[in-house]
Amino acid sequence: MKIKPAAPNLLARCLQDYFADHLPRLRGMSPHTIHSYRDSLLLLLRFVSVRGKIEISDLDLNHLDPECVIAFLLYVEKERGNSVTTRNVRLAAIHAFFRYVGAHHPEQLVKAQRVLAVPFKRTDHRVIEYLDRTEIETVLAGIDRTDSLGRRDFALLATMFNTGARVQEMIDLRAKNLQLVKPFQVRLFGKGRKERYCPLWPQTAQLLLSFCEECQIDLRSDAKVFLNHRGEPLTRFGVRYILAKRLAHVCADVPTLGRKRLHPHSMRHSTAVALLKAGVDLSTISQWLGHSSPTTTARYASIDLDMKREAIERLKPVSTVPKASRRITETVLKWLESL
């Protein structure tokens, strides 16, 4: 007798509809966002499976209660050693899924509301780290450009500083999106599939032109510009490795670099601060970086120490000379009256 396979339960149906139809077709989410949501829910399901000693294939929606979600978030922080920011990213993905569950399965609305009530955790606001122009010039000057990987790293970091592009925007950059004749510019695709054009300095344009010619990249093609040593597109981890390697090479010559927590996004911060110090207004910087709100850009106005020093120099200092006490003043008046 042939046994029919068990029908998918509610959790399986929700996950299938959510990832196969709702996110890509109805919401128009990018593959990067879908993969991020997928990874968060995969971690949750594996945690629930181990915690409850239940096969993942047997899990249903009733196993995902608020207490379980809170336990998962503690696991992410304590056992996996992730930051509060990562913890909140995982919770955001869970919230998004349960908003879908509540909207499409009204009988699960109470459960969905209880999960959505699990709060985000407040995070510490770290000082934004960036490289000043001298540090960037030192890092670029320290790259050995006699080999192909050195020339690639130089072109990559110089373009990142010129454009202030996000890492994902840079590793997704295709040859056809480069315009290396006047006016020099590059077309970038940012968060939410937002498209923007960013101007290139003539030096950066010439650098990219030479790099593409060396790598035999047709500027009319769909080919990725920056590849690893195996000829495959660079990853976010690859860019992080390149920056860390180049920073380590000059760290002894520039002691200030060793005291900073630098990562690929720091290049983006560096571009913003450099533009601000050059007198570019915040609205233009916001468009340059592709920020969704000028409020995001405004934070750069408060992080540059040089600008703070200039401001304090323009401010009239408070006198540090102690004033005469009231008693001394009274004595002087009496002496004058006795004359």
C-alpha atoms as a PDB file:
ATOM      1  CA  MET A   1       0.000   0.000   0.000  1.00  0.00           C
ATOM      2  CA  LYS A   2       1.434   3.379  -1.054  1.00  0.00           C
ATOM      3  CA  ILE A   3       1.623   5.887   1.799  1.00  0.00           C
ATOM      4  CA  LYS A   4       0.858   9.474   0.899  1.00  0.00           C
ATOM      5  CA  PRO A   5       3.336  12.031   2.225  1.00  0.00           C
ATOM      6  CA  ALA A   6       2.035  14.220   5.018  1.00  0.00           C
ATOM      7  CA  ALA A   7       0.560  17.522   3.904  1.00  0.00           C
ATOM      8  CA  PRO A   8       2.577  20.626   4.800  1.00  0.00           C
ATOM      9  CA  ASN A   9       1.542  22.135   8.111  1.00  0.00           C
ATOM     10  CA  LEU A  10       0.760  25.839   8.606  1.00  0.00           C
ATOM     11  CA  LEU A  11       4.362  26.831   9.337  1.00  0.00           C
ATOM     12  CA  ALA A  12       5.613  25.125   6.173  1.00  0.00           C
ATOM     13  CA  ARG A  13       2.906  26.750   4.049  1.00  0.00           C
ATOM     14  CA  CYS A  14       3.582  30.178   5.528  1.00  0.00           C
ATOM     15  CA  LEU A  15       7.321  29.916   4.949  1.00  0.00           C
ATOM     16  CA  GLN A  16       6.850  28.734   1.370  1.00  0.00           C
ATOM     17  CA  ASP A  17       4.374  31.484   0.462  1.00  0.00           C
ATOM     18  CA  TYR A  18       6.379  34.131   2.310  1.00  0.00           C
ATOM     19  CA  PHE A  19       9.703  33.468   0.582  1.00  0.00           C
ATOM     20  CA  ALA A  20       8.487  32.239  -2.801  1.00  0.00           C
ATOM     21  CA  ASP A  21       5.742  34.788  -3.434  1.00  0.00           C
ATOM     22  CA  HIS A  22       5.196  37.508  -0.826  1.00  0.00           C
ATOM     23  CA  LEU A  23       8.735  38.918  -0.500  1.00  0.00           C
ATOM     24  CA  PRO A  24       9.934  38.721  -4.124  1.00  0.00           C
ATOM     25  CA  ARG A  25       6.693  39.313  -6.048  1.00  0.00           C
ATOM     26  CA  LEU A  26       4.404  41.404  -3.830  1.00  0.00           C
ATOM     27  CA  ARG A  27       6.978  43.322  -1.797  1.00  0.00           C
ATOM     28  CA  GLY A  28       9.663  43.427  -4.491  1.00  0.00           C
ATOM     29  CA  MET A  29      12.424  42.748  -1.963  1.00  0.00           C
ATOM     30  CA  SER A  30      15.978  42.408  -3.246  1.00  0.00           C
ATOM     31  CA  PRO A  31      17.659  38.972  -3.154  1.00  0.00           C
ATOM     32  CA  HIS A  32      20.070  40.321  -0.527  1.00  0.00           C
ATOM     33  CA  THR A  33      17.200  41.220   1.843  1.00  0.00           C
ATOM     34  CA  ILE A  34      15.431  37.899   1.208  1.00  0.00           C
ATOM     35  CA  HIS A  35      18.623  35.993   2.006  1.00  0.00           C
ATOM     36  CA  SER A  36      19.059  37.982   5.226  1.00  0.00           C
ATOM     37  CA  TYR A  37      15.491  37.151   6.328  1.00  0.00           C
ATOM     38  CA  ARG A  38      16.015  33.514   5.341  1.00  0.00           C
ATOM     39  CA  ASP A  39      19.204  33.207   7.403  1.00  0.00           C
ATOM     40  CA  SER A  40      17.503  34.652  10.489  1.00  0.00           C
ATOM     41  CA  LEU A  41      14.528  32.278  10.277  1.00  0.00           C
ATOM     42  CA  LEU A  42      16.812  29.312   9.599  1.00  0.00           C
ATOM     43  CA  LEU A  43      18.724  30.088  12.792  1.00  0.00           C
ATOM     44  CA  LEU A  44      15.451  30.352  14.709  1.00  0.00           C
ATOM     45  CA  LEU A  45      14.122  27.020  13.403  1.00  0.00           C
ATOM     46  CA  ARG A  46      17.382  25.217  14.196  1.00  0.00           C
ATOM     47  CA  PHE A  47      17.399  26.698  17.696  1.00  0.00           C
ATOM     48  CA  VAL A  48      13.794  25.642  18.348  1.00  0.00           C
ATOM     49  CA  SER A  49      14.515  22.174  16.968  1.00  0.00           C
ATOM     50  CA  VAL A  50      17.484  21.612  19.298  1.00  0.00           C
ATOM     51  CA  ARG A  51      15.825  23.270  22.288  1.00  0.00           C
ATOM     52  CA  GLY A  52      12.605  21.273  21.992  1.00  0.00           C
ATOM     53  CA  LYS A  53      14.260  18.082  20.659  1.00  0.00           C
ATOM     54  CA  ILE A  54      11.941  18.181  17.656  1.00  0.00           C
ATOM     55  CA  GLU A  55      12.817  17.440  14.060  1.00  0.00           C
ATOM     56  CA  ILE A  56      12.723  20.584  11.936  1.00  0.00           C
ATOM     57  CA  SER A  57      10.300  18.832   9.581  1.00  0.00           C
ATOM     58  CA  ASP A  58       7.875  18.399  12.510  1.00  0.00           C
ATOM     59  CA  LEU A  59       7.918  22.034  13.662  1.00  0.00           C
ATOM     60  CA  ASP A  60       4.673  23.973  13.410  1.00  0.00           C
ATOM     61  CA  LEU A  61       3.651  27.537  14.119  1.00  0.00           C
ATOM     62  CA  ASN A  62       2.592  26.708  17.673  1.00  0.00           C
ATOM     63  CA  HIS A  63       6.259  25.998  18.518  1.00  0.00           C
ATOM     64  CA  LEU A  64       7.204  29.618  17.773  1.00  0.00           C
ATOM     65  CA  ASP A  65       5.848  31.459  20.784  1.00  0.00           C
ATOM     66  CA  PRO A  66       7.166  34.732  22.316  1.00  0.00           C
ATOM     67  CA  GLU A  67       9.041  32.868  25.085  1.00  0.00           C
ATOM     68  CA  CYS A  68      10.852  30.829  22.451  1.00  0.00           C
ATOM     69  CA  VAL A  69      11.728  33.969  20.460  1.00  0.00           C
ATOM     70  CA  ILE A  70      13.142  35.665  23.583  1.00  0.00           C
ATOM     71  CA  ALA A  71      15.202  32.545  24.374  1.00  0.00           C
ATOM     72  CA  PHE A  72      16.512  32.590  20.787  1.00  0.00           C
ATOM     73  CA  LEU A  73      17.565  36.237  21.087  1.00  0.00           C
ATOM     74  CA  LEU A  74      19.458  35.452  24.315  1.00  0.00           C
ATOM     75  CA  TYR A  75      21.149  32.560  22.511  1.00  0.00           C
ATOM     76  CA  VAL A  76      22.196  34.873  19.674  1.00  0.00           C
ATOM     77  CA  GLU A  77      23.817  37.296  22.119  1.00  0.00           C
ATOM     78  CA  LYS A  78      25.238  34.990  24.781  1.00  0.00           C
ATOM     79  CA  GLU A  79      26.206  31.792  22.984  1.00  0.00           C
ATOM     80  CA  ARG A  80      26.828  32.971  19.448  1.00  0.00           C
ATOM     81  CA  GLY A  81      28.520  36.124  20.754  1.00  0.00           C
ATOM     82  CA  ASN A  82      26.670  38.443  18.359  1.00  0.00           C
ATOM     83  CA  SER A  83      26.237  42.160  18.997  1.00  0.00           C
ATOM     84  CA  VAL A  84      23.005  43.832  20.046  1.00  0.00           C
ATOM     85  CA  THR A  85      22.732  45.201  16.506  1.00  0.00           C
ATOM     86  CA  THR A  86      22.797  41.672  15.061  1.00  0.00           C
ATOM     87  CA  ARG A  87      20.283  40.573  17.681  1.00  0.00           C
ATOM     88  CA  ASN A  88      17.941  43.338  16.536  1.00  0.00           C
ATOM     89  CA  VAL A  89      18.435  42.385  12.884  1.00  0.00           C
ATOM     90  CA  ARG A  90      17.322  38.814  13.690  1.00  0.00           C
ATOM     91  CA  LEU A  91      14.303  40.129  15.581  1.00  0.00           C
ATOM     92  CA  ALA A  92      13.367  42.446  12.684  1.00  0.00           C
ATOM     93  CA  ALA A  93      13.246  39.432  10.351  1.00  0.00           C
ATOM     94  CA  ILE A  94      11.056  37.506  12.823  1.00  0.00           C
ATOM     95  CA  HIS A  95       8.739  40.494  13.201  1.00  0.00           C
ATOM     96  CA  ALA A  96       8.413  40.808   9.419  1.00  0.00           C
ATOM     97  CA  PHE A  97       7.449  37.139   9.115  1.00  0.00           C
ATOM     98  CA  PHE A  98       4.839  37.346  11.874  1.00  0.00           C
ATOM     99  CA  ARG A  99       3.326  40.479  10.367  1.00  0.00           C
ATOM    100  CA  TYR A 100       2.742  38.364   7.279  1.00  0.00           C
ATOM    101  CA  VAL A 101       1.323  35.504   9.376  1.00  0.00           C
ATOM    102  CA  GLY A 102      -1.094  37.827  11.207  1.00  0.00           C
ATOM    103  CA  ALA A 103      -2.284  39.446   7.974  1.00  0.00           C
ATOM    104  CA  HIS A 104      -2.850  36.199   6.045  1.00  0.00           C
ATOM    105  CA  HIS A 105      -4.027  33.917   8.845  1.00  0.00           C
ATOM    106  CA  PRO A 106      -6.387  35.848  11.142  1.00  0.00           C
ATOM    107  CA  GLU A 107      -6.761  32.879  13.480  1.00  0.00           C
ATOM    108  CA  GLN A 108      -3.039  33.361  14.333  1.00  0.00           C
ATOM    109  CA  LEU A 109      -3.368  37.088  14.969  1.00  0.00           C
ATOM    110  CA  VAL A 110      -3.087  36.824  18.765  1.00  0.00           C
ATOM    111  CA  LYS A 111       0.149  34.825  18.512  1.00  0.00           C
ATOM    112  CA  ALA A 112       1.492  37.247  15.891  1.00  0.00           C
ATOM    113  CA  GLN A 113       0.723  40.255  18.094  1.00  0.00           C
ATOM    114  CA  ARG A 114       2.472  38.649  21.075  1.00  0.00           C
ATOM    115  CA  VAL A 115       5.611  37.987  19.015  1.00  0.00           C
ATOM    116  CA  LEU A 116       5.500  41.505  17.571  1.00  0.00           C
ATOM    117  CA  ALA A 117       5.416  42.824  21.153  1.00  0.00           C
ATOM    118  CA  VAL A 118       8.928  41.428  21.792  1.00  0.00           C
ATOM    119  CA  PRO A 119      10.940  44.689  21.917  1.00  0.00           C
ATOM    120  CA  PHE A 120      14.151  45.667  20.224  1.00  0.00           C
ATOM    121  CA  LYS A 121      17.080  46.171  22.541  1.00  0.00           C
ATOM    122  CA  ARG A 122      18.668  49.578  22.922  1.00  0.00           C
ATOM    123  CA  THR A 123      22.165  49.775  21.519  1.00  0.00           C
ATOM    124  CA  ASP A 124      25.163  51.848  22.504  1.00  0.00           C
ATOM    125  CA  HIS A 125      25.913  54.613  20.020  1.00  0.00           C
ATOM    126  CA  ARG A 126      29.567  54.220  19.154  1.00  0.00           C
ATOM    127  CA  VAL A 127      31.666  57.050  17.797  1.00  0.00           C
ATOM    128  CA  ILE A 128      31.795  56.844  14.009  1.00  0.00           C
ATOM    129  CA  GLU A 129      35.315  55.908  12.963  1.00  0.00           C
ATOM    130  CA  TYR A 130      36.743  57.193   9.699  1.00  0.00           C
ATOM    131  CA  LEU A 131      40.043  57.838   7.969  1.00  0.00           C
ATOM    132  CA  ASP A 132      41.132  61.419   7.376  1.00  0.00           C
ATOM    133  CA  ARG A 133      42.586  62.383   4.017  1.00  0.00           C
ATOM    134  CA  THR A 134      46.204  61.982   5.152  1.00  0.00           C
ATOM    135  CA  GLU A 135      45.501  58.470   6.441  1.00  0.00           C
ATOM    136  CA  ILE A 136      43.791  57.468   3.200  1.00  0.00           C
ATOM    137  CA  GLU A 137      46.660  58.821   1.119  1.00  0.00           C
ATOM    138  CA  THR A 138      49.108  56.875   3.301  1.00  0.00           C
ATOM    139  CA  VAL A 139      47.114  53.644   2.912  1.00  0.00           C
ATOM    140  CA  LEU A 140      46.944  54.044  -0.881  1.00  0.00           C
ATOM    141  CA  ALA A 141      50.629  54.974  -1.114  1.00  0.00           C
ATOM    142  CA  GLY A 142      51.525  51.832   0.840  1.00  0.00           C
ATOM    143  CA  ILE A 143      49.954  49.500  -1.742  1.00  0.00           C
ATOM    144  CA  ASP A 144      52.494  47.753  -3.981  1.00  0.00           C
ATOM    145  CA  ARG A 145      51.132  48.352  -7.484  1.00  0.00           C
ATOM    146  CA  THR A 146      53.752  46.248  -9.266  1.00  0.00           C
ATOM    147  CA  ASP A 147      51.438  43.205  -9.177  1.00  0.00           C
ATOM    148  CA  SER A 148      47.873  42.797 -10.431  1.00  0.00           C
ATOM    149  CA  LEU A 149      46.306  42.284  -6.986  1.00  0.00           C
ATOM    150  CA  GLY A 150      47.938  45.475  -5.739  1.00  0.00           C
ATOM    151  CA  ARG A 151      46.566  47.416  -8.687  1.00  0.00           C
ATOM    152  CA  ARG A 152      43.123  45.927  -8.048  1.00  0.00           C
ATOM    153  CA  ASP A 153      43.217  46.873  -4.351  1.00  0.00           C
ATOM    154  CA  PHE A 154      44.371  50.400  -5.200  1.00  0.00           C
ATOM    155  CA  ALA A 155      41.570  50.863  -7.741  1.00  0.00           C
ATOM    156  CA  LEU A 156      38.984  49.392  -5.345  1.00  0.00           C
ATOM    157  CA  LEU A 157      39.867  51.548  -2.311  1.00  0.00           C
ATOM    158  CA  ALA A 158      40.352  54.714  -4.368  1.00  0.00           C
ATOM    159  CA  THR A 159      36.926  54.234  -5.997  1.00  0.00           C
ATOM    160  CA  MET A 160      35.301  53.556  -2.624  1.00  0.00           C
ATOM    161  CA  PHE A 161      36.708  56.799  -1.230  1.00  0.00           C
ATOM    162  CA  ASN A 162      35.716  58.789  -4.340  1.00  0.00           C
ATOM    163  CA  THR A 163      32.128  57.530  -4.407  1.00  0.00           C
ATOM    164  CA  GLY A 164      31.398  56.737  -0.747  1.00  0.00           C
ATOM    165  CA  ALA A 165      29.733  53.580  -2.065  1.00  0.00           C
ATOM    166  CA  ARG A 166      28.473  50.847   0.205  1.00  0.00           C
ATOM    167  CA  VAL A 167      30.415  47.582   0.030  1.00  0.00           C
ATOM    168  CA  GLN A 168      27.520  45.793  -1.679  1.00  0.00           C
ATOM    169  CA  GLU A 169      27.277  48.581  -4.260  1.00  0.00           C
ATOM    170  CA  MET A 170      30.973  48.239  -4.999  1.00  0.00           C
ATOM    171  CA  ILE A 171      31.059  44.453  -5.379  1.00  0.00           C
ATOM    172  CA  ASP A 172      27.940  44.635  -7.579  1.00  0.00           C
ATOM    173  CA  LEU A 173      29.541  47.280  -9.834  1.00  0.00           C
ATOM    174  CA  ARG A 174      29.421  46.276 -13.507  1.00  0.00           C
ATOM    175  CA  ALA A 175      31.512  47.624 -16.363  1.00  0.00           C
ATOM    176  CA  LYS A 176      28.526  49.042 -18.252  1.00  0.00           C
ATOM    177  CA  ASN A 177      27.767  51.306 -15.275  1.00  0.00           C
ATOM    178  CA  LEU A 178      31.100  53.123 -15.585  1.00  0.00           C
ATOM    179  CA  GLN A 179      31.270  56.260 -17.709  1.00  0.00           C
ATOM    180  CA  LEU A 180      34.986  56.944 -18.135  1.00  0.00           C
ATOM    181  CA  VAL A 181      34.651  59.790 -20.633  1.00  0.00           C
ATOM    182  CA  LYS A 182      33.558  63.282 -19.636  1.00  0.00           C
ATOM    183  CA  PRO A 183      31.483  63.766 -17.594  1.00  0.00           C
ATOM    184  CA  PHE A 184      33.114  61.013 -15.543  1.00  0.00           C
ATOM    185  CA  GLN A 185      30.572  59.176 -13.407  1.00  0.00           C
ATOM    186  CA  VAL A 186      29.401  55.813 -12.125  1.00  0.00           C
ATOM    187  CA  ARG A 187      25.899  54.434 -11.707  1.00  0.00           C
ATOM    188  CA  LEU A 188      25.290  52.735  -8.380  1.00  0.00           C
ATOM    189  CA  PHE A 189      22.379  50.632  -7.144  1.00  0.00           C
ATOM    190  CA  GLY A 190      21.807  51.010  -3.422  1.00  0.00           C
ATOM    191  CA  LYS A 191      19.382  49.859  -0.762  1.00  0.00           C
ATOM    192  CA  GLY A 192      15.821  49.345  -1.906  1.00  0.00           C
ATOM    193  CA  ARG A 193      17.063  49.189  -5.511  1.00  0.00           C
ATOM    194  CA  LYS A 194      17.567  52.928  -5.494  1.00  0.00           C
ATOM    195  CA  GLU A 195      19.676  54.100  -8.393  1.00  0.00           C
ATOM    196  CA  ARG A 196      22.002  57.094  -8.313  1.00  0.00           C
ATOM    197  CA  TYR A 197      24.860  58.598 -10.273  1.00  0.00           C
ATOM    198  CA  CYS A 198      28.074  59.607  -8.541  1.00  0.00           C
ATOM    199  CA  PRO A 199      30.752  61.827 -10.133  1.00  0.00           C
ATOM    200  CA  LEU A 200      34.293  60.524 -10.518  1.00  0.00           C
ATOM    201  CA  TRP A 201      37.465  62.558 -10.242  1.00  0.00           C
ATOM    202  CA  PRO A 202      39.487  62.513 -13.501  1.00  0.00           C
ATOM    203  CA  GLN A 203      42.244  60.627 -11.656  1.00  0.00           C
ATOM    204  CA  THR A 204      39.792  57.928 -10.525  1.00  0.00           C
ATOM    205  CA  ALA A 205      38.324  57.644 -14.028  1.00  0.00           C
ATOM    206  CA  GLN A 206      41.807  57.204 -15.547  1.00  0.00           C
ATOM    207  CA  LEU A 207      42.680  54.663 -12.865  1.00  0.00           C
ATOM    208  CA  LEU A 208      39.544  52.609 -13.597  1.00  0.00           C
ATOM    209  CA  LEU A 209      40.113  52.862 -17.352  1.00  0.00           C
ATOM    210  CA  SER A 210      43.656  51.496 -17.023  1.00  0.00           C
ATOM    211  CA  PHE A 211      42.461  48.772 -14.659  1.00  0.00           C
ATOM    212  CA  CYS A 212      39.675  47.655 -17.021  1.00  0.00           C
ATOM    213  CA  GLU A 213      42.060  47.627 -19.978  1.00  0.00           C
ATOM    214  CA  GLU A 214      44.553  45.512 -18.026  1.00  0.00           C
ATOM    215  CA  CYS A 215      41.820  43.038 -17.036  1.00  0.00           C
ATOM    216  CA  GLN A 216      40.384  43.095 -20.597  1.00  0.00           C
ATOM    217  CA  ILE A 217      36.990  44.200 -19.338  1.00  0.00           C
ATOM    218  CA  ASP A 218      34.670  45.506 -22.037  1.00  0.00           C
ATOM    219  CA  LEU A 219      33.129  48.714 -20.685  1.00  0.00           C
ATOM    220  CA  ARG A 220      29.920  47.928 -22.571  1.00  0.00           C
ATOM    221  CA  SER A 221      29.589  44.511 -20.958  1.00  0.00           C
ATOM    222  CA  ASP A 222      27.704  43.262 -17.907  1.00  0.00           C
ATOM    223  CA  ALA A 223      30.930  41.948 -16.336  1.00  0.00           C
ATOM    224  CA  LYS A 224      31.694  42.632 -12.673  1.00  0.00           C
ATOM    225  CA  VAL A 225      34.584  45.071 -12.289  1.00  0.00           C
ATOM    226  CA  PHE A 226      36.236  43.791  -9.106  1.00  0.00           C
ATOM    227  CA  LEU A 227      37.096  40.080  -8.916  1.00  0.00           C
ATOM    228  CA  ASN A 228      39.113  37.946  -6.517  1.00  0.00           C
ATOM    229  CA  HIS A 229      42.289  36.019  -7.403  1.00  0.00           C
ATOM    230  CA  ARG A 230      40.162  33.116  -8.711  1.00  0.00           C
ATOM    231  CA  GLY A 231      38.342  35.373 -11.158  1.00  0.00           C
ATOM    232  CA  GLU A 232      35.108  35.306  -9.135  1.00  0.00           C
ATOM    233  CA  PRO A 233      33.222  38.400  -7.891  1.00  0.00           C
ATOM    234  CA  LEU A 234      34.538  39.836  -4.634  1.00  0.00           C
ATOM    235  CA  THR A 235      32.456  39.259  -1.517  1.00  0.00           C
ATOM    236  CA  ARG A 236      31.870  41.523   1.463  1.00  0.00           C
ATOM    237  CA  PHE A 237      34.350  39.424   3.440  1.00  0.00           C
ATOM    238  CA  GLY A 238      36.867  39.789   0.621  1.00  0.00           C
ATOM    239  CA  VAL A 239      36.646  43.584   0.744  1.00  0.00           C
ATOM    240  CA  ARG A 240      36.999  43.502   4.549  1.00  0.00           C
ATOM    241  CA  TYR A 241      40.120  41.343   4.192  1.00  0.00           C
ATOM    242  CA  ILE A 242      41.645  43.677   1.589  1.00  0.00           C
ATOM    243  CA  LEU A 243      41.107  46.781   3.739  1.00  0.00           C
ATOM    244  CA  ALA A 244      42.440  45.066   6.893  1.00  0.00           C
ATOM    245  CA  LYS A 245      45.519  43.870   4.999  1.00  0.00           C
ATOM    246  CA  ARG A 246      46.295  47.321   3.578  1.00  0.00           C
ATOM    247  CA  LEU A 247      45.708  49.017   6.945  1.00  0.00           C
ATOM    248  CA  ALA A 248      48.009  46.565   8.728  1.00  0.00           C
ATOM    249  CA  HIS A 249      50.752  47.305   6.204  1.00  0.00           C
ATOM    250  CA  VAL A 250      50.958  50.997   7.162  1.00  0.00           C
ATOM    251  CA  CYS A 251      49.753  50.827  10.773  1.00  0.00           C
ATOM    252  CA  ALA A 252      53.290  51.162  12.139  1.00  0.00           C
ATOM    253  CA  ASP A 253      53.816  54.388  10.170  1.00  0.00           C
ATOM    254  CA  VAL A 254      50.443  55.883  11.159  1.00  0.00           C
ATOM    255  CA  PRO A 255      49.832  55.180  14.892  1.00  0.00           C
ATOM    256  CA  THR A 256      46.338  56.750  14.780  1.00  0.00           C
ATOM    257  CA  LEU A 257      45.105  53.897  12.577  1.00  0.00           C
ATOM    258  CA  GLY A 258      45.796  51.314  15.272  1.00  0.00           C
ATOM    259  CA  ARG A 259      43.444  53.057  17.697  1.00  0.00           C
ATOM    260  CA  LYS A 260      40.461  53.013  15.344  1.00  0.00           C
ATOM    261  CA  ARG A 261      37.864  50.293  14.739  1.00  0.00           C
ATOM    262  CA  LEU A 262      37.907  50.389  10.949  1.00  0.00           C
ATOM    263  CA  HIS A 263      35.895  48.319   8.481  1.00  0.00           C
ATOM    264  CA  PRO A 264      34.800  48.744   4.840  1.00  0.00           C
ATOM    265  CA  HIS A 265      31.918  51.044   5.813  1.00  0.00           C
ATOM    266  CA  SER A 266      34.532  53.364   7.350  1.00  0.00           C
ATOM    267  CA  MET A 267      35.537  54.354   3.807  1.00  0.00           C
ATOM    268  CA  ARG A 268      31.985  55.618   3.296  1.00  0.00           C
ATOM    269  CA  HIS A 269      32.200  57.617   6.526  1.00  0.00           C
ATOM    270  CA  SER A 270      35.558  58.990   5.364  1.00  0.00           C
ATOM    271  CA  THR A 271      34.031  60.263   2.117  1.00  0.00           C
ATOM    272  CA  ALA A 272      31.201  61.987   3.995  1.00  0.00           C
ATOM    273  CA  VAL A 273      33.558  63.754   6.398  1.00  0.00           C
ATOM    274  CA  ALA A 274      35.922  64.787   3.577  1.00  0.00           C
ATOM    275  CA  LEU A 275      33.011  66.304   1.634  1.00  0.00           C
ATOM    276  CA  LEU A 276      31.768  68.091   4.742  1.00  0.00           C
ATOM    277  CA  LYS A 277      35.215  69.578   5.457  1.00  0.00           C
ATOM    278  CA  ALA A 278      35.411  70.717   1.825  1.00  0.00           C
ATOM    279  CA  GLY A 279      32.308  72.849   2.399  1.00  0.00           C
ATOM    280  CA  VAL A 280      29.764  70.631   0.616  1.00  0.00           C
ATOM    281  CA  ASP A 281      26.280  71.069   2.086  1.00  0.00           C
ATOM    282  CA  LEU A 282      24.524  68.196   3.848  1.00  0.00           C
ATOM    283  CA  SER A 283      21.788  67.906   1.207  1.00  0.00           C
ATOM    284  CA  THR A 284      24.349  67.285  -1.550  1.00  0.00           C
ATOM    285  CA  ILE A 285      26.262  64.804   0.622  1.00  0.00           C
ATOM    286  CA  SER A 286      22.984  62.977   1.306  1.00  0.00           C
ATOM    287  CA  GLN A 287      22.364  62.581  -2.422  1.00  0.00           C
ATOM    288  CA  TRP A 288      26.014  61.664  -3.045  1.00  0.00           C
ATOM    289  CA  LEU A 289      25.848  58.809  -0.520  1.00  0.00           C
ATOM    290  CA  GLY A 290      22.311  57.747  -1.420  1.00  0.00           C
ATOM    291  CA  HIS A 291      20.834  58.327   2.035  1.00  0.00           C
ATOM    292  CA  SER A 292      17.072  57.984   2.269  1.00  0.00           C
ATOM    293  CA  SER A 293      16.910  60.877   4.719  1.00  0.00           C
ATOM    294  CA  PRO A 294      19.122  63.960   5.304  1.00  0.00           C
ATOM    295  CA  THR A 295      18.840  63.155   9.012  1.00  0.00           C
ATOM    296  CA  THR A 296      21.194  60.218   8.438  1.00  0.00           C
ATOM    297  CA  THR A 297      23.745  62.567   6.884  1.00  0.00           C
ATOM    298  CA  ALA A 298      23.463  65.140   9.684  1.00  0.00           C
ATOM    299  CA  ARG A 299      25.320  62.901  12.143  1.00  0.00           C
ATOM    300  CA  TYR A 300      28.569  63.550  10.247  1.00  0.00           C
ATOM    301  CA  ALA A 301      28.407  67.213  11.249  1.00  0.00           C
ATOM    302  CA  SER A 302      29.206  66.256  14.855  1.00  0.00           C
ATOM    303  CA  ILE A 303      32.047  63.757  14.466  1.00  0.00           C
ATOM    304  CA  ASP A 304      34.949  65.645  12.918  1.00  0.00           C
ATOM    305  CA  LEU A 305      37.407  66.917  15.535  1.00  0.00           C
ATOM    306  CA  ASP A 306      39.068  69.404  13.179  1.00  0.00           C
ATOM    307  CA  MET A 307      35.754  71.159  12.600  1.00  0.00           C
ATOM    308  CA  LYS A 308      35.125  71.181  16.350  1.00  0.00           C
ATOM    309  CA  ARG A 309      38.551  72.734  16.946  1.00  0.00           C
ATOM    310  CA  GLU A 310      37.857  75.429  14.350  1.00  0.00           C
ATOM    311  CA  ALA A 311      34.537  76.146  16.040  1.00  0.00           C
ATOM    312  CA  ILE A 312      36.119  76.511  19.487  1.00  0.00           C
ATOM    313  CA  GLU A 313      38.756  78.863  18.058  1.00  0.00           C
ATOM    314  CA  ARG A 314      36.004  81.120  16.686  1.00  0.00           C
ATOM    315  CA  LEU A 315      34.278  81.191  20.071  1.00  0.00           C
ATOM    316  CA  LYS A 316      35.354  83.930  22.477  1.00  0.00           C
ATOM    317  CA  PRO A 317      37.032  82.170  25.394  1.00  0.00           C
ATOM    318  CA  VAL A 318      35.819  82.595  28.936  1.00  0.00           C
ATOM    319  CA  SER A 319      38.199  84.669  31.054  1.00  0.00           C
ATOM    320  CA  THR A 320      40.287  82.589  33.452  1.00  0.00           C
ATOM    321  CA  VAL A 321      41.442  85.609  35.484  1.00  0.00           C
ATOM    322  CA  PRO A 322      39.800  85.441  38.947  1.00  0.00           C
ATOM    323  CA  LYS A 323      37.590  88.371  39.794  1.00  0.00           C
ATOM    324  CA  ALA A 324      38.262  90.446  42.902  1.00  0.00           C
ATOM    325  CA  SER A 325      36.224  89.370  45.843  1.00  0.00           C
ATOM    326  CA  ARG A 326      33.488  91.576  47.241  1.00  0.00           C
ATOM    327  CA  ARG A 327      35.513  92.145  50.430  1.00  0.00           C
ATOM    328  CA  ILE A 328      38.555  93.460  48.540  1.00  0.00           C
ATOM    329  CA  THR A 329      36.295  95.757  46.500  1.00  0.00           C
ATOM    330  CA  GLU A 330      34.703  97.187  49.639  1.00  0.00           C
ATOM    331  CA  THR A 331      38.153  97.841  51.158  1.00  0.00           C
ATOM    332  CA  VAL A 332      39.244  99.740  48.068  1.00  0.00           C
ATOM    333  CA  LEU A 333      36.083 101.899  48.162  1.00  0.00           C
ATOM    334  CA  LYS A 334      36.629 102.786  51.816  1.00  0.00           C
ATOM    335  CA  TRP A 335      40.234 103.751  51.132  1.00  0.00           C
ATOM    336  CA  LEU A 336      39.146 105.972  48.242  1.00  0.00           C
ATOM    337  CA  GLU A 337      36.504 107.650  50.450  1.00  0.00           C
ATOM    338  CA  SER A 338      39.102 108.411  53.141  1.00  0.00           C
ATOM    339  CA  LEU A 339      41.273 110.431  50.760  1.00  0.00           C
END
